[in-house]
PDB file of N, CA and C in Angstrom:
ATOM      1  N   UNK A   1     -31.544  34.487  13.708  1.00  0.00           N
ATOM      2  CA  UNK A   1     -32.617  33.369  13.910  1.00  0.00           C
ATOM      3  C   UNK A   1     -31.809  33.429  15.515  1.00  0.00           C
ATOM      4  N   UNK A   2     -33.162  32.863  16.232  1.00  0.00           N
ATOM      5  CA  UNK A   2     -33.433  32.956  18.095  1.00  0.00           C
ATOM      6  C   UNK A   2     -32.516  31.279  18.101  1.00  0.00           C
ATOM      7  N   UNK A   3     -31.714  31.135  19.785  1.00  0.00           N
ATOM      8  CA  UNK A   3     -31.293  30.352  19.901  1.00  0.00           C
ATOM      9  C   UNK A   3     -31.684  29.419  20.568  1.00  0.00           C
ATOM     10  N   UNK A   4     -32.351  27.861  19.473  1.00  0.00           N
ATOM     11  CA  UNK A   4     -33.142  26.648  19.762  1.00  0.00           C
ATOM     12  C   UNK A   4     -32.760  26.398  21.656  1.00  0.00           C
ATOM     13  N   UNK A   5     -31.493  26.470  21.941  1.00  0.00           N
ATOM     14  CA  UNK A   5     -32.068  26.278  23.258  1.00  0.00           C
ATOM     15  C   UNK A   5     -32.591  26.867  24.570  1.00  0.00           C
ATOM     16  N   UNK A   6     -32.264  28.086  23.856  1.00  0.00           N
ATOM     17  CA  UNK A   6     -33.002  29.576  24.743  1.00  0.00           C
ATOM     18  C   UNK A   6     -34.572  29.328  24.866  1.00  0.00           C
ATOM     19  N   UNK A   7     -35.667  29.517  23.579  1.00  0.00           N
ATOM     20  CA  UNK A   7     -36.520  28.658  23.225  1.00  0.00           C
ATOM     21  C   UNK A   7     -36.819  27.831  24.233  1.00  0.00           C
ATOM     22  N   UNK A   8     -36.140  26.734  24.042  1.00  0.00           N
ATOM     23  CA  UNK A   8     -36.988  25.714  25.275  1.00  0.00           C
ATOM     24  C   UNK A   8     -36.635  25.749  26.606  1.00  0.00           C
ATOM     25  N   UNK A   9     -35.570  26.718  27.423  1.00  0.00           N
ATOM     26  CA  UNK A   9     -35.647  27.308  29.056  1.00  0.00           C
ATOM     27  C   UNK A   9     -37.023  27.853  28.346  1.00  0.00           C
ATOM     28  N   UNK A  10     -37.447  29.009  28.062  1.00  0.00           N
ATOM     29  CA  UNK A  10     -38.301  29.787  27.893  1.00  0.00           C
ATOM     30  C   UNK A  10     -39.860  28.878  27.642  1.00  0.00           C
ATOM     31  N   UNK A  11     -39.832  28.284  26.714  1.00  0.00           N
ATOM     32  CA  UNK A  11     -40.931  26.864  26.749  1.00  0.00           C
ATOM     33  C   UNK A  11     -40.886  26.076  28.384  1.00  0.00           C
ATOM     34  N   UNK A  12     -39.995  25.359  28.992  1.00  0.00           N
ATOM     35  CA  UNK A  12     -40.369  25.060  29.704  1.00  0.00           C
ATOM     36  C   UNK A  12     -40.945  25.965  31.206  1.00  0.00           C
ATOM     37  N   UNK A  13     -40.158  26.772  31.304  1.00  0.00           N
ATOM     38  CA  UNK A  13     -41.225  27.988  32.102  1.00  0.00           C
ATOM     39  C   UNK A  13     -42.233  28.415  31.712  1.00  0.00           C
ATOM     40  N   UNK A  14     -43.047  28.047  30.234  1.00  0.00           N
ATOM     41  CA  UNK A  14     -44.733  28.214  30.363  1.00  0.00           C
ATOM     42  C   UNK A  14     -45.016  27.152  30.717  1.00  0.00           C
ATOM     43  N   UNK A  15     -44.058  25.792  30.951  1.00  0.00           N
ATOM     44  CA  UNK A  15     -45.281  24.877  31.478  1.00  0.00           C
ATOM     45  C   UNK A  15     -44.533  24.587  32.490  1.00  0.00           C
ATOM     46  N   UNK A  16     -43.877  24.209  33.301  1.00  0.00           N
ATOM     47  CA  UNK A  16     -43.560  24.586  34.854  1.00  0.00           C
ATOM     48  C   UNK A  16     -44.267  25.469  35.651  1.00  0.00           C
ATOM     49  N   UNK A  17     -43.984  26.447  35.271  1.00  0.00           N
ATOM     50  CA  UNK A  17     -44.771  27.775  35.414  1.00  0.00           C
ATOM     51  C   UNK A  17     -43.195  28.602  36.874  1.00  0.00           C
ATOM     52  N   UNK A  18     -42.516  27.811  36.653  1.00  0.00           N
ATOM     53  CA  UNK A  18     -41.459  28.357  37.821  1.00  0.00           C
ATOM     54  C   UNK A  18     -39.929  28.825  36.994  1.00  0.00           C
ATOM     55  N   UNK A  19     -38.487  29.727  36.569  1.00  0.00           N
ATOM     56  CA  UNK A  19     -37.972  29.179  36.314  1.00  0.00           C
ATOM     57  C   UNK A  19     -37.201  27.703  37.423  1.00  0.00           C
ATOM     58  N   UNK A  20     -37.802  27.773  39.099  1.00  0.00           N
ATOM     59  CA  UNK A  20     -36.972  26.225  39.209  1.00  0.00           C
ATOM     60  C   UNK A  20     -36.994  25.063  39.253  1.00  0.00           C
ATOM     61  N   UNK A  21     -38.810  24.787  38.383  1.00  0.00           N
ATOM     62  CA  UNK A  21     -38.751  24.502  37.800  1.00  0.00           C
ATOM     63  C   UNK A  21     -38.687  23.890  36.913  1.00  0.00           C
ATOM     64  N   UNK A  22     -38.393  24.225  35.870  1.00  0.00           N
ATOM     65  CA  UNK A  22     -37.961  24.952  34.828  1.00  0.00           C
ATOM     66  C   UNK A  22     -36.448  24.050  34.480  1.00  0.00           C
ATOM     67  N   UNK A  23     -35.917  24.580  36.082  1.00  0.00           N
ATOM     68  CA  UNK A  23     -34.590  24.280  35.517  1.00  0.00           C
ATOM     69  C   UNK A  23     -34.303  23.085  36.227  1.00  0.00           C
ATOM     70  N   UNK A  24     -35.468  22.288  37.480  1.00  0.00           N
ATOM     71  CA  UNK A  24     -35.486  21.239  37.560  1.00  0.00           C
ATOM     72  C   UNK A  24     -35.690  19.482  35.778  1.00  0.00           C
ATOM     73  N   UNK A  25     -36.584  20.356  35.356  1.00  0.00           N
ATOM     74  CA  UNK A  25     -37.003  19.759  34.288  1.00  0.00           C
ATOM     75  C   UNK A  25     -35.883  19.743  33.205  1.00  0.00           C
ATOM     76  N   UNK A  26     -34.864  20.472  32.716  1.00  0.00           N
ATOM     77  CA  UNK A  26     -34.201  19.989  31.934  1.00  0.00           C
ATOM     78  C   UNK A  26     -33.028  20.267  32.752  1.00  0.00           C
ATOM     79  N   UNK A  27     -32.750  19.658  33.987  1.00  0.00           N
ATOM     80  CA  UNK A  27     -31.345  19.664  34.229  1.00  0.00           C
ATOM     81  C   UNK A  27     -30.626  20.276  34.326  1.00  0.00           C
ATOM     82  N   UNK A  28     -30.356  21.892  34.643  1.00  0.00           N
ATOM     83  CA  UNK A  28     -30.773  23.045  35.069  1.00  0.00           C
ATOM     84  C   UNK A  28     -30.228  23.678  36.031  1.00  0.00           C
ATOM     85  N   UNK A  29     -29.345  24.616  36.047  1.00  0.00           N
ATOM     86  CA  UNK A  29     -29.788  25.817  37.745  1.00  0.00           C
ATOM     87  C   UNK A  29     -30.869  26.226  36.762  1.00  0.00           C
ATOM     88  N   UNK A  30     -31.841  27.186  38.652  1.00  0.00           N
ATOM     89  CA  UNK A  30     -32.133  28.385  37.496  1.00  0.00           C
ATOM     90  C   UNK A  30     -31.273  29.187  37.961  1.00  0.00           C
ATOM     91  N   UNK A  31     -29.672  29.174  37.534  1.00  0.00           N
ATOM     92  CA  UNK A  31     -29.162  30.332  37.126  1.00  0.00           C
ATOM     93  C   UNK A  31     -29.438  30.560  35.827  1.00  0.00           C
ATOM     94  N   UNK A  32     -29.041  29.034  35.104  1.00  0.00           N
ATOM     95  CA  UNK A  32     -28.648  29.206  33.965  1.00  0.00           C
ATOM     96  C   UNK A  32     -30.147  29.390  33.033  1.00  0.00           C
ATOM     97  N   UNK A  33     -30.828  29.074  33.516  1.00  0.00           N
ATOM     98  CA  UNK A  33     -32.496  29.283  32.760  1.00  0.00           C
ATOM     99  C   UNK A  33     -32.360  30.655  32.930  1.00  0.00           C
ATOM    100  N   UNK A  34     -32.349  31.215  33.875  1.00  0.00           N
ATOM    101  CA  UNK A  34     -33.008  33.116  33.678  1.00  0.00           C
ATOM    102  C   UNK A  34     -31.597  33.777  33.228  1.00  0.00           C
ATOM    103  N   UNK A  35     -30.600  33.080  33.051  1.00  0.00           N
ATOM    104  CA  UNK A  35     -28.801  33.579  32.336  1.00  0.00           C
ATOM    105  C   UNK A  35     -29.939  33.511  30.633  1.00  0.00           C
ATOM    106  N   UNK A  36     -30.527  32.669  29.884  1.00  0.00           N
ATOM    107  CA  UNK A  36     -31.121  32.376  28.486  1.00  0.00           C
ATOM    108  C   UNK A  36     -32.028  32.673  28.817  1.00  0.00           C
ATOM    109  N   UNK A  37     -33.245  32.640  29.863  1.00  0.00           N
ATOM    110  CA  UNK A  37     -34.224  33.593  29.236  1.00  0.00           C
ATOM    111  C   UNK A  37     -33.696  35.479  29.250  1.00  0.00           C
ATOM    112  N   UNK A  38     -32.907  35.625  29.888  1.00  0.00           N
ATOM    113  CA  UNK A  38     -32.194  36.669  29.296  1.00  0.00           C
ATOM    114  C   UNK A  38     -31.922  36.837  28.411  1.00  0.00           C
ATOM    115  N   UNK A  39     -30.832  36.005  28.041  1.00  0.00           N
ATOM    116  CA  UNK A  39     -30.390  36.582  26.679  1.00  0.00           C
ATOM    117  C   UNK A  39     -31.462  36.793  25.896  1.00  0.00           C
ATOM    118  N   UNK A  40     -32.174  35.689  26.050  1.00  0.00           N
ATOM    119  CA  UNK A  40     -33.509  35.631  24.775  1.00  0.00           C
ATOM    120  C   UNK A  40     -32.999  37.059  24.883  1.00  0.00           C
ATOM    121  N   UNK A  41     -34.126  37.731  26.329  1.00  0.00           N
ATOM    122  CA  UNK A  41     -34.688  39.756  26.046  1.00  0.00           C
ATOM    123  C   UNK A  41     -33.838  39.803  25.061  1.00  0.00           C
ATOM    124  N   UNK A  42     -32.833  39.784  25.372  1.00  0.00           N
ATOM    125  CA  UNK A  42     -31.899  40.828  25.050  1.00  0.00           C
ATOM    126  C   UNK A  42     -31.680  41.200  23.226  1.00  0.00           C
ATOM    127  N   UNK A  43     -31.859  39.411  22.831  1.00  0.00           N
ATOM    128  CA  UNK A  43     -32.307  38.545  21.306  1.00  0.00           C
ATOM    129  C   UNK A  43     -33.165  39.740  20.767  1.00  0.00           C
ATOM    130  N   UNK A  44     -34.031  39.797  21.107  1.00  0.00           N
ATOM    131  CA  UNK A  44     -35.347  40.044  20.764  1.00  0.00           C
ATOM    132  C   UNK A  44     -35.825  41.211  20.802  1.00  0.00           C
ATOM    133  N   UNK A  45     -34.870  41.802  21.910  1.00  0.00           N
ATOM    134  CA  UNK A  45     -35.710  43.408  22.729  1.00  0.00           C
ATOM    135  C   UNK A  45     -36.511  43.983  23.051  1.00  0.00           C
ATOM    136  N   UNK A  46     -37.025  42.900  23.570  1.00  0.00           N
ATOM    137  CA  UNK A  46     -38.275  42.596  24.491  1.00  0.00           C
ATOM    138  C   UNK A  46     -38.490  41.911  26.479  1.00  0.00           C
ATOM    139  N   UNK A  47     -39.279  42.146  27.094  1.00  0.00           N
ATOM    140  CA  UNK A  47     -39.755  40.929  28.379  1.00  0.00           C
ATOM    141  C   UNK A  47     -40.374  40.659  28.198  1.00  0.00           C
ATOM    142  N   UNK A  48     -39.645  39.297  28.703  1.00  0.00           N
ATOM    143  CA  UNK A  48     -40.609  38.376  28.173  1.00  0.00           C
ATOM    144  C   UNK A  48     -41.305  37.398  29.112  1.00  0.00           C
ATOM    145  N   UNK A  49     -40.030  38.281  30.058  1.00  0.00           N
ATOM    146  CA  UNK A  49     -41.368  37.239  31.916  1.00  0.00           C
ATOM    147  C   UNK A  49     -41.055  38.602  33.092  1.00  0.00           C
ATOM    148  N   UNK A  50     -42.629  38.239  33.891  1.00  0.00           N
ATOM    149  CA  UNK A  50     -42.053  39.054  34.369  1.00  0.00           C
ATOM    150  C   UNK A  50     -42.505  38.474  35.773  1.00  0.00           C
ATOM    151  N   UNK A  51     -41.991  38.579  36.968  1.00  0.00           N
ATOM    152  CA  UNK A  51     -42.044  38.612  38.068  1.00  0.00           C
ATOM    153  C   UNK A  51     -42.824  38.654  38.596  1.00  0.00           C
ATOM    154  N   UNK A  52     -43.769  37.791  39.438  1.00  0.00           N
ATOM    155  CA  UNK A  52     -45.069  37.599  40.389  1.00  0.00           C
ATOM    156  C   UNK A  52     -44.348  37.192  41.774  1.00  0.00           C
ATOM    157  N   UNK A  53     -44.711  37.330  42.642  1.00  0.00           N
ATOM    158  CA  UNK A  53     -44.894  37.050  43.952  1.00  0.00           C
ATOM    159  C   UNK A  53     -42.867  36.155  44.024  1.00  0.00           C
ATOM    160  N   UNK A  54     -43.222  34.693  44.083  1.00  0.00           N
ATOM    161  CA  UNK A  54     -42.369  33.862  43.922  1.00  0.00           C
ATOM    162  C   UNK A  54     -42.148  33.551  42.122  1.00  0.00           C
ATOM    163  N   UNK A  55     -43.047  33.092  41.478  1.00  0.00           N
ATOM    164  CA  UNK A  55     -43.103  33.322  40.164  1.00  0.00           C
ATOM    165  C   UNK A  55     -42.198  34.060  39.438  1.00  0.00           C
ATOM    166  N   UNK A  56     -43.346  32.868  38.396  1.00  0.00           N
ATOM    167  CA  UNK A  56     -43.809  34.999  36.957  1.00  0.00           C
ATOM    168  C   UNK A  56     -44.354  34.785  36.322  1.00  0.00           C
ATOM    169  N   UNK A  57     -44.785  35.468  35.442  1.00  0.00           N
ATOM    170  CA  UNK A  57     -45.759  35.265  33.681  1.00  0.00           C
ATOM    171  C   UNK A  57     -44.823  35.632  32.690  1.00  0.00           C
ATOM    172  N   UNK A  58     -45.453  35.132  32.396  1.00  0.00           N
ATOM    173  CA  UNK A  58     -45.043  34.949  30.700  1.00  0.00           C
ATOM    174  C   UNK A  58     -46.068  36.378  29.716  1.00  0.00           C
ATOM    175  N   UNK A  59     -45.066  37.158  29.142  1.00  0.00           N
ATOM    176  CA  UNK A  59     -46.004  38.185  28.408  1.00  0.00           C
ATOM    177  C   UNK A  59     -46.588  37.903  27.515  1.00  0.00           C
ATOM    178  N   UNK A  60     -47.524  38.928  26.971  1.00  0.00           N
ATOM    179  CA  UNK A  60     -47.762  38.128  25.539  1.00  0.00           C
ATOM    180  C   UNK A  60     -46.223  38.013  24.271  1.00  0.00           C
ATOM    181  N   UNK A  61     -45.478  38.796  24.617  1.00  0.00           N
ATOM    182  CA  UNK A  61     -44.663  38.411  23.423  1.00  0.00           C
ATOM    183  C   UNK A  61     -43.970  36.915  23.515  1.00  0.00           C
ATOM    184  N   UNK A  62     -43.845  36.781  25.044  1.00  0.00           N
ATOM    185  CA  UNK A  62     -42.881  35.340  25.299  1.00  0.00           C
ATOM    186  C   UNK A  62     -43.896  34.553  24.497  1.00  0.00           C
ATOM    187  N   UNK A  63     -45.303  34.548  24.919  1.00  0.00           N
ATOM    188  CA  UNK A  63     -46.223  33.650  24.459  1.00  0.00           C
ATOM    189  C   UNK A  63     -46.465  33.635  23.247  1.00  0.00           C
ATOM    190  N   UNK A  64     -45.996  34.199  22.049  1.00  0.00           N
ATOM    191  CA  UNK A  64     -45.809  34.750  20.826  1.00  0.00           C
ATOM    192  C   UNK A  64     -44.413  33.417  20.606  1.00  0.00           C
ATOM    193  N   UNK A  65     -43.783  33.448  21.101  1.00  0.00           N
ATOM    194  CA  UNK A  65     -42.377  33.231  21.007  1.00  0.00           C
ATOM    195  C   UNK A  65     -42.720  31.663  21.370  1.00  0.00           C
ATOM    196  N   UNK A  66     -43.721  30.783  22.000  1.00  0.00           N
ATOM    197  CA  UNK A  66     -43.968  29.603  22.698  1.00  0.00           C
ATOM    198  C   UNK A  66     -44.703  28.644  21.646  1.00  0.00           C
ATOM    199  N   UNK A  67     -45.305  29.533  21.674  1.00  0.00           N
ATOM    200  CA  UNK A  67     -46.651  29.201  20.594  1.00  0.00           C
ATOM    201  C   UNK A  67     -46.229  28.517  18.798  1.00  0.00           C
TER     202      UNK A  67
END
C-alpha cells in the first residue's frame, strides 16, 4: 500500500505547480516534499516528476496516482 503522506505531497505539487509552492501549502520544506516524492518513485518504480526549468511536470504515471 502506498504511503498517504507521499501521495499528498504529489497531489500538492500537481495543484501548486512547483515543489516549493507545494511545500509551503503543506507546511514542509521543499527538501522534505522532494524526499517524499523520491520515496514514492522508488515504491512505484517509476518516474513521477520531470524537471522543467524551475518547475516540474507530472508524468502520465503521476497523473494516474493523483486522479
